[in-house]
Amino acid sequence: MKVTYYGHSCFLVNFAGTKLLFDPFITPNDLAKDIDVSAIEADYILLSHGHGDHIADAVELAKQTKAKVISNYEIIVWLGRQGIENGHPMNHGGAFGFDFGQVKYVNAVHSSALDDGTYLGNPGGFVISNDQHSFYYAGDTALTLDMQLIPRYTKLDFAVLPIGDNFTMGVDDAIIASDFIECNKVVGVHYDTFGYIKIDHEEAIDKFKQAGKELILVNIGDSTDL
């Protein structure tokens, strides 16, 4: 699976030939200023929750790519009011089979509302799987015991976990999370974008290594095969 990182928590996975784009926050992100948003292609856009740093470019990219948007019920309804009609609503614990495989919407411990107070449902994460591969995107979340349920569903090839602390898990809790989900290959997201969540890259990678795990930090605009 090829993973391309667009900064913060936005990344694209080529999954069974299908382009899955997660949580697009690019144009407001100074660290992603070199990303050409108009060149991004996606078959599906998946939104974990309704904060601006996860959905800022969702409407424009949905219009640009004609991608189907997968998220919680409230976000899909909100997108409909923005003219995005190609949406698929989900809720916690539910799973649905798409042409590329199954999506299961799982719990996250966070919040989900726009700056103007618009309520956009409860936050979540996604477990994506088919007969050959599987990965987990936690979204913005604290460490939670619910993560221990994920290995009951599937064996993960890799996981995408927030590591910036303050608003989400930090590095130490992400290491515990990797134990809970039984996955030692972790792509880190939700770090460095704001002053609150800047991390020491070498220290984070070394902590994972000492725990017998691999933390992958992809440079913005770069891709890696997992």
C-alpha atoms as a PDB file:
ATOM      1  CA  MET A   1       0.000   0.000   0.000  1.00  0.00           C
ATOM      2  CA  LYS A   2       1.342   3.411  -0.969  1.00  0.00           C
ATOM      3  CA  VAL A   3       0.803   6.181   1.582  1.00  0.00           C
ATOM      4  CA  THR A   4       1.230   9.862   0.655  1.00  0.00           C
ATOM      5  CA  TYR A   5       1.341  12.454   3.438  1.00  0.00           C
ATOM      6  CA  TYR A   6      -0.129  15.933   2.957  1.00  0.00           C
ATOM      7  CA  GLY A   7       0.564  17.228   6.462  1.00  0.00           C
ATOM      8  CA  HIS A   8      -1.153  17.242   9.848  1.00  0.00           C
ATOM      9  CA  SER A   9      -3.587  14.275   9.667  1.00  0.00           C
ATOM     10  CA  CYS A  10      -4.166  14.341   5.923  1.00  0.00           C
ATOM     11  CA  PHE A  11      -2.886  11.376   3.945  1.00  0.00           C
ATOM     12  CA  LEU A  12      -3.822   9.282   0.937  1.00  0.00           C
ATOM     13  CA  VAL A  13      -3.661   5.495   0.763  1.00  0.00           C
ATOM     14  CA  ASN A  14      -3.700   3.589  -2.500  1.00  0.00           C
ATOM     15  CA  PHE A  15      -5.712   0.614  -1.309  1.00  0.00           C
ATOM     16  CA  ALA A  16      -6.376  -2.147  -3.838  1.00  0.00           C
ATOM     17  CA  GLY A  17      -6.072   0.423  -6.618  1.00  0.00           C
ATOM     18  CA  THR A  18      -8.532   2.808  -4.930  1.00  0.00           C
ATOM     19  CA  LYS A  19      -7.394   6.235  -3.707  1.00  0.00           C
ATOM     20  CA  LEU A  20      -8.577   6.884  -0.129  1.00  0.00           C
ATOM     21  CA  LEU A  21      -7.998  10.441   1.133  1.00  0.00           C
ATOM     22  CA  PHE A  22      -8.294  11.134   4.864  1.00  0.00           C
ATOM     23  CA  ASP A  23      -9.044  14.365   6.746  1.00  0.00           C
ATOM     24  CA  PRO A  24      -8.005  17.035   4.208  1.00  0.00           C
ATOM     25  CA  PHE A  25      -6.481  20.059   5.951  1.00  0.00           C
ATOM     26  CA  ILE A  26      -3.992  21.493   3.468  1.00  0.00           C
ATOM     27  CA  THR A  27      -4.644  25.051   2.294  1.00  0.00           C
ATOM     28  CA  PRO A  28      -4.727  26.558   5.847  1.00  0.00           C
ATOM     29  CA  ASN A  29      -1.613  24.594   6.874  1.00  0.00           C
ATOM     30  CA  ASP A  30       1.583  26.628   6.439  1.00  0.00           C
ATOM     31  CA  LEU A  31       3.649  23.444   6.601  1.00  0.00           C
ATOM     32  CA  ALA A  32       1.818  22.132   3.516  1.00  0.00           C
ATOM     33  CA  LYS A  33       2.174  25.317   1.437  1.00  0.00           C
ATOM     34  CA  ASP A  34       3.992  23.441  -1.338  1.00  0.00           C
ATOM     35  CA  ILE A  35       1.150  20.967  -1.872  1.00  0.00           C
ATOM     36  CA  ASP A  36      -0.850  21.568  -5.054  1.00  0.00           C
ATOM     37  CA  VAL A  37      -4.366  20.790  -3.867  1.00  0.00           C
ATOM     38  CA  SER A  38      -5.733  21.003  -7.413  1.00  0.00           C
ATOM     39  CA  ALA A  39      -3.577  18.006  -8.366  1.00  0.00           C
ATOM     40  CA  ILE A  40      -4.930  15.692  -5.654  1.00  0.00           C
ATOM     41  CA  GLU A  41      -7.017  12.771  -6.886  1.00  0.00           C
ATOM     42  CA  ALA A  42      -9.324  10.708  -4.693  1.00  0.00           C
ATOM     43  CA  ASP A  43     -12.005   8.064  -5.143  1.00  0.00           C
ATOM     44  CA  TYR A  44     -13.169   8.325  -1.530  1.00  0.00           C
ATOM     45  CA  ILE A  45     -12.700  10.971   1.158  1.00  0.00           C
ATOM     46  CA  LEU A  46     -12.936   9.793   4.773  1.00  0.00           C
ATOM     47  CA  LEU A  47     -13.510  12.322   7.563  1.00  0.00           C
ATOM     48  CA  SER A  48     -12.883  11.240  11.147  1.00  0.00           C
ATOM     49  CA  HIS A  49     -14.571  14.225  12.819  1.00  0.00           C
ATOM     50  CA  GLY A  50     -15.727  17.787  12.366  1.00  0.00           C
ATOM     51  CA  HIS A  51     -12.846  20.023  13.431  1.00  0.00           C
ATOM     52  CA  GLY A  52     -11.509  22.528  10.937  1.00  0.00           C
ATOM     53  CA  ASP A  53      -8.051  20.981  10.967  1.00  0.00           C
ATOM     54  CA  HIS A  54      -9.579  17.820   9.514  1.00  0.00           C
ATOM     55  CA  ILE A  55     -12.270  19.059   7.138  1.00  0.00           C
ATOM     56  CA  ALA A  56     -11.016  22.460   5.924  1.00  0.00           C
ATOM     57  CA  ASP A  57     -10.601  21.306   2.310  1.00  0.00           C
ATOM     58  CA  ALA A  58     -13.282  18.616   2.359  1.00  0.00           C
ATOM     59  CA  VAL A  59     -15.968  20.480   0.435  1.00  0.00           C
ATOM     60  CA  GLU A  60     -13.660  21.766  -2.304  1.00  0.00           C
ATOM     61  CA  LEU A  61     -11.899  18.429  -2.737  1.00  0.00           C
ATOM     62  CA  ALA A  62     -15.194  16.544  -2.808  1.00  0.00           C
ATOM     63  CA  LYS A  63     -16.356  18.849  -5.609  1.00  0.00           C
ATOM     64  CA  GLN A  64     -13.010  18.648  -7.408  1.00  0.00           C
ATOM     65  CA  THR A  65     -12.571  14.881  -7.274  1.00  0.00           C
ATOM     66  CA  LYS A  66     -16.235  13.773  -7.297  1.00  0.00           C
ATOM     67  CA  ALA A  67     -15.194  11.348  -4.566  1.00  0.00           C
ATOM     68  CA  LYS A  68     -17.698   9.650  -2.292  1.00  0.00           C
ATOM     69  CA  VAL A  69     -17.357  11.018   1.245  1.00  0.00           C
ATOM     70  CA  ILE A  70     -17.522   8.628   4.203  1.00  0.00           C
ATOM     71  CA  SER A  71     -18.065  10.020   7.694  1.00  0.00           C
ATOM     72  CA  ASN A  72     -20.478  10.107  10.579  1.00  0.00           C
ATOM     73  CA  TYR A  73     -24.144  10.902   9.949  1.00  0.00           C
ATOM     74  CA  GLU A  74     -23.979  14.508  11.142  1.00  0.00           C
ATOM     75  CA  ILE A  75     -21.012  15.432   8.931  1.00  0.00           C
ATOM     76  CA  ILE A  76     -22.638  13.890   5.867  1.00  0.00           C
ATOM     77  CA  VAL A  77     -25.820  15.907   6.547  1.00  0.00           C
ATOM     78  CA  TRP A  78     -23.718  19.071   6.961  1.00  0.00           C
ATOM     79  CA  LEU A  79     -21.887  18.363   3.698  1.00  0.00           C
ATOM     80  CA  GLY A  80     -25.231  17.979   1.979  1.00  0.00           C
ATOM     81  CA  ARG A  81     -26.024  21.544   2.973  1.00  0.00           C
ATOM     82  CA  GLN A  82     -22.757  22.564   1.277  1.00  0.00           C
ATOM     83  CA  GLY A  83     -23.854  20.926  -1.962  1.00  0.00           C
ATOM     84  CA  ILE A  84     -22.050  17.605  -1.492  1.00  0.00           C
ATOM     85  CA  GLU A  85     -24.586  14.896  -2.214  1.00  0.00           C
ATOM     86  CA  ASN A  86     -22.241  11.942  -2.773  1.00  0.00           C
ATOM     87  CA  GLY A  87     -21.943  10.993   0.881  1.00  0.00           C
ATOM     88  CA  HIS A  88     -22.162   7.771   2.867  1.00  0.00           C
ATOM     89  CA  PRO A  89     -23.134   8.214   6.549  1.00  0.00           C
ATOM     90  CA  MET A  90     -21.909   5.836   9.257  1.00  0.00           C
ATOM     91  CA  ASN A  91     -21.993   5.575  13.025  1.00  0.00           C
ATOM     92  CA  HIS A  92     -19.938   3.904  15.721  1.00  0.00           C
ATOM     93  CA  GLY A  93     -19.570   0.145  15.530  1.00  0.00           C
ATOM     94  CA  GLY A  94     -21.052  -0.034  12.050  1.00  0.00           C
ATOM     95  CA  ALA A  95     -19.319  -1.529   9.028  1.00  0.00           C
ATOM     96  CA  PHE A  96     -20.078  -1.340   5.325  1.00  0.00           C
ATOM     97  CA  GLY A  97     -18.661  -3.045   2.253  1.00  0.00           C
ATOM     98  CA  PHE A  98     -17.449  -0.766  -0.534  1.00  0.00           C
ATOM     99  CA  ASP A  99     -15.901  -1.743  -3.859  1.00  0.00           C
ATOM    100  CA  PHE A 100     -12.379  -1.599  -2.332  1.00  0.00           C
ATOM    101  CA  GLY A 101     -13.191  -3.436   0.897  1.00  0.00           C
ATOM    102  CA  GLN A 102     -14.847  -2.932   4.262  1.00  0.00           C
ATOM    103  CA  VAL A 103     -14.905   0.220   6.383  1.00  0.00           C
ATOM    104  CA  LYS A 104     -15.658  -0.062  10.083  1.00  0.00           C
ATOM    105  CA  TYR A 105     -16.275   3.159  12.024  1.00  0.00           C
ATOM    106  CA  VAL A 106     -14.805   2.802  15.511  1.00  0.00           C
ATOM    107  CA  ASN A 107     -14.690   4.884  18.678  1.00  0.00           C
ATOM    108  CA  ALA A 108     -12.430   7.851  19.302  1.00  0.00           C
ATOM    109  CA  VAL A 109     -12.256   9.988  22.447  1.00  0.00           C
ATOM    110  CA  HIS A 110     -12.184  13.619  21.343  1.00  0.00           C
ATOM    111  CA  SER A 111     -14.683  16.338  20.342  1.00  0.00           C
ATOM    112  CA  SER A 112     -16.276  17.353  17.044  1.00  0.00           C
ATOM    113  CA  ALA A 113     -17.670  20.795  16.269  1.00  0.00           C
ATOM    114  CA  LEU A 114     -16.938  23.782  14.062  1.00  0.00           C
ATOM    115  CA  ASP A 115     -15.621  27.062  15.463  1.00  0.00           C
ATOM    116  CA  ASP A 116     -19.116  28.567  15.179  1.00  0.00           C
ATOM    117  CA  GLY A 117     -20.484  25.849  17.456  1.00  0.00           C
ATOM    118  CA  THR A 118     -22.050  23.700  14.742  1.00  0.00           C
ATOM    119  CA  TYR A 119     -22.289  20.183  16.155  1.00  0.00           C
ATOM    120  CA  LEU A 120     -20.850  17.567  13.806  1.00  0.00           C
ATOM    121  CA  GLY A 121     -21.452  14.330  15.631  1.00  0.00           C
ATOM    122  CA  ASN A 122     -19.083  12.213  17.659  1.00  0.00           C
ATOM    123  CA  PRO A 123     -15.494  11.644  16.504  1.00  0.00           C
ATOM    124  CA  GLY A 124     -14.363   8.274  15.235  1.00  0.00           C
ATOM    125  CA  GLY A 125     -11.674   6.264  13.518  1.00  0.00           C
ATOM    126  CA  PHE A 126     -11.673   3.852  10.603  1.00  0.00           C
ATOM    127  CA  VAL A 127     -10.568   0.240  10.180  1.00  0.00           C
ATOM    128  CA  ILE A 128     -10.119  -0.447   6.460  1.00  0.00           C
ATOM    129  CA  SER A 129      -9.800  -4.050   5.308  1.00  0.00           C
ATOM    130  CA  ASN A 130     -10.117  -6.488   2.437  1.00  0.00           C
ATOM    131  CA  ASP A 131      -9.079 -10.115   1.974  1.00  0.00           C
ATOM    132  CA  GLN A 132      -5.383  -9.211   1.799  1.00  0.00           C
ATOM    133  CA  HIS A 133      -4.689  -6.035   3.742  1.00  0.00           C
ATOM    134  CA  SER A 134      -5.904  -3.975   6.669  1.00  0.00           C
ATOM    135  CA  PHE A 135      -5.031  -0.699   8.379  1.00  0.00           C
ATOM    136  CA  TYR A 136      -6.403   1.526  11.119  1.00  0.00           C
ATOM    137  CA  TYR A 137      -6.684   5.303  11.171  1.00  0.00           C
ATOM    138  CA  ALA A 138      -7.396   6.392  14.735  1.00  0.00           C
ATOM    139  CA  GLY A 139      -8.387   9.982  13.943  1.00  0.00           C
ATOM    140  CA  ASP A 140      -7.959  12.407  16.833  1.00  0.00           C
ATOM    141  CA  THR A 141      -8.224  10.402  20.006  1.00  0.00           C
ATOM    142  CA  ALA A 142      -6.975   9.785  23.489  1.00  0.00           C
ATOM    143  CA  LEU A 143      -5.691   6.356  24.387  1.00  0.00           C
ATOM    144  CA  THR A 144      -8.760   4.202  24.941  1.00  0.00           C
ATOM    145  CA  LEU A 145      -9.364   0.607  25.970  1.00  0.00           C
ATOM    146  CA  ASP A 146     -11.754   0.262  23.013  1.00  0.00           C
ATOM    147  CA  MET A 147      -8.658  -0.081  20.810  1.00  0.00           C
ATOM    148  CA  GLN A 148      -8.231  -3.591  22.217  1.00  0.00           C
ATOM    149  CA  LEU A 149     -11.284  -4.664  20.193  1.00  0.00           C
ATOM    150  CA  ILE A 150      -9.612  -3.986  16.842  1.00  0.00           C
ATOM    151  CA  PRO A 151      -7.468  -7.185  16.718  1.00  0.00           C
ATOM    152  CA  ARG A 152     -10.703  -9.149  17.096  1.00  0.00           C
ATOM    153  CA  TYR A 153     -11.784  -7.809  13.701  1.00  0.00           C
ATOM    154  CA  THR A 154      -8.595  -8.023  11.667  1.00  0.00           C
ATOM    155  CA  LYS A 155      -4.790  -8.241  11.703  1.00  0.00           C
ATOM    156  CA  LEU A 156      -3.432  -4.808  10.832  1.00  0.00           C
ATOM    157  CA  ASP A 157      -0.604  -4.179   8.372  1.00  0.00           C
ATOM    158  CA  PHE A 158      -0.064  -0.720   9.849  1.00  0.00           C
ATOM    159  CA  ALA A 159      -1.806   1.947  11.921  1.00  0.00           C
ATOM    160  CA  VAL A 160      -2.002   5.727  11.608  1.00  0.00           C
ATOM    161  CA  LEU A 161      -1.948   7.265  15.083  1.00  0.00           C
ATOM    162  CA  PRO A 162      -1.805  10.837  16.410  1.00  0.00           C
ATOM    163  CA  ILE A 163       1.387  11.512  18.361  1.00  0.00           C
ATOM    164  CA  GLY A 164       1.416  15.272  19.011  1.00  0.00           C
ATOM    165  CA  ASP A 165      -0.013  15.200  22.542  1.00  0.00           C
ATOM    166  CA  ASN A 166      -2.015  18.107  24.073  1.00  0.00           C
ATOM    167  CA  PHE A 167      -5.103  17.570  21.851  1.00  0.00           C
ATOM    168  CA  THR A 168      -4.631  13.799  21.323  1.00  0.00           C
ATOM    169  CA  MET A 169      -2.427  10.947  22.396  1.00  0.00           C
ATOM    170  CA  GLY A 170       1.255  11.665  22.651  1.00  0.00           C
ATOM    171  CA  VAL A 171       4.123   9.352  21.776  1.00  0.00           C
ATOM    172  CA  ASP A 172       4.035   7.361  25.019  1.00  0.00           C
ATOM    173  CA  ASP A 173       0.300   6.662  24.782  1.00  0.00           C
ATOM    174  CA  ALA A 174       0.639   5.834  21.084  1.00  0.00           C
ATOM    175  CA  ILE A 175       3.121   3.117  22.017  1.00  0.00           C
ATOM    176  CA  ILE A 176       0.548   1.670  24.419  1.00  0.00           C
ATOM    177  CA  ALA A 177      -2.093   1.993  21.697  1.00  0.00           C
ATOM    178  CA  SER A 178       0.085  -0.028  19.347  1.00  0.00           C
ATOM    179  CA  ASP A 179       0.109  -2.785  21.984  1.00  0.00           C
ATOM    180  CA  PHE A 180      -3.686  -2.633  22.260  1.00  0.00           C
ATOM    181  CA  ILE A 181      -4.177  -2.915  18.487  1.00  0.00           C
ATOM    182  CA  GLU A 182      -1.357  -5.492  18.138  1.00  0.00           C
ATOM    183  CA  CYS A 183       0.394  -3.520  15.425  1.00  0.00           C
ATOM    184  CA  ASN A 184       4.052  -2.522  15.632  1.00  0.00           C
ATOM    185  CA  LYS A 185       4.214  -0.447  12.439  1.00  0.00           C
ATOM    186  CA  VAL A 186       2.857   3.055  13.081  1.00  0.00           C
ATOM    187  CA  VAL A 187       2.593   6.113  10.848  1.00  0.00           C
ATOM    188  CA  GLY A 188       2.572   9.219  13.013  1.00  0.00           C
ATOM    189  CA  VAL A 189       0.244  12.138  12.313  1.00  0.00           C
ATOM    190  CA  HIS A 190      -1.166  15.225  14.082  1.00  0.00           C
ATOM    191  CA  TYR A 191       2.179  16.693  15.128  1.00  0.00           C
ATOM    192  CA  ASP A 192       4.240  19.865  14.466  1.00  0.00           C
ATOM    193  CA  THR A 193       1.398  21.825  12.816  1.00  0.00           C
ATOM    194  CA  PHE A 194       0.831  24.088  15.824  1.00  0.00           C
ATOM    195  CA  GLY A 195       3.083  25.123  18.685  1.00  0.00           C
ATOM    196  CA  TYR A 196       1.111  22.958  21.116  1.00  0.00           C
ATOM    197  CA  ILE A 197       1.931  19.760  19.233  1.00  0.00           C
ATOM    198  CA  LYS A 198       5.550  20.110  18.141  1.00  0.00           C
ATOM    199  CA  ILE A 199       7.591  16.992  18.869  1.00  0.00           C
ATOM    200  CA  ASP A 200      11.208  15.844  18.884  1.00  0.00           C
ATOM    201  CA  HIS A 201      11.286  13.493  15.888  1.00  0.00           C
ATOM    202  CA  GLU A 202      14.413  11.575  16.870  1.00  0.00           C
ATOM    203  CA  GLU A 203      13.202  11.091  20.427  1.00  0.00           C
ATOM    204  CA  ALA A 204       9.814   9.818  19.230  1.00  0.00           C
ATOM    205  CA  ILE A 205      11.351   7.364  16.771  1.00  0.00           C
ATOM    206  CA  ASP A 206      13.797   6.147  19.426  1.00  0.00           C
ATOM    207  CA  LYS A 207      11.029   5.570  21.986  1.00  0.00           C
ATOM    208  CA  PHE A 208       9.182   3.379  19.510  1.00  0.00           C
ATOM    209  CA  LYS A 209      12.391   1.534  18.653  1.00  0.00           C
ATOM    210  CA  GLN A 210      13.114   0.858  22.325  1.00  0.00           C
ATOM    211  CA  ALA A 211       9.621  -0.647  22.587  1.00  0.00           C
ATOM    212  CA  GLY A 212      10.352  -2.950  19.633  1.00  0.00           C
ATOM    213  CA  LYS A 213       8.173  -0.921  17.265  1.00  0.00           C
ATOM    214  CA  GLU A 214       8.610   1.245  14.175  1.00  0.00           C
ATOM    215  CA  LEU A 215       7.419   4.859  13.999  1.00  0.00           C
ATOM    216  CA  ILE A 216       7.281   6.199  10.443  1.00  0.00           C
ATOM    217  CA  LEU A 217       7.298   9.983  10.016  1.00  0.00           C
ATOM    218  CA  VAL A 218       6.713  10.837   6.369  1.00  0.00           C
ATOM    219  CA  ASN A 219       7.827  14.230   5.074  1.00  0.00           C
ATOM    220  CA  ILE A 220       4.969  16.368   3.776  1.00  0.00           C
ATOM    221  CA  GLY A 221       4.466  15.677   0.085  1.00  0.00           C
ATOM    222  CA  ASP A 222       6.383  12.391   0.182  1.00  0.00           C
ATOM    223  CA  SER A 223       5.118   8.825  -0.179  1.00  0.00           C
ATOM    224  CA  THR A 224       6.105   5.505   1.350  1.00  0.00           C
ATOM    225  CA  ASP A 225       5.153   1.894   0.621  1.00  0.00           C
ATOM    226  CA  LEU A 226       3.762  -0.096   3.552  1.00  0.00           C
END
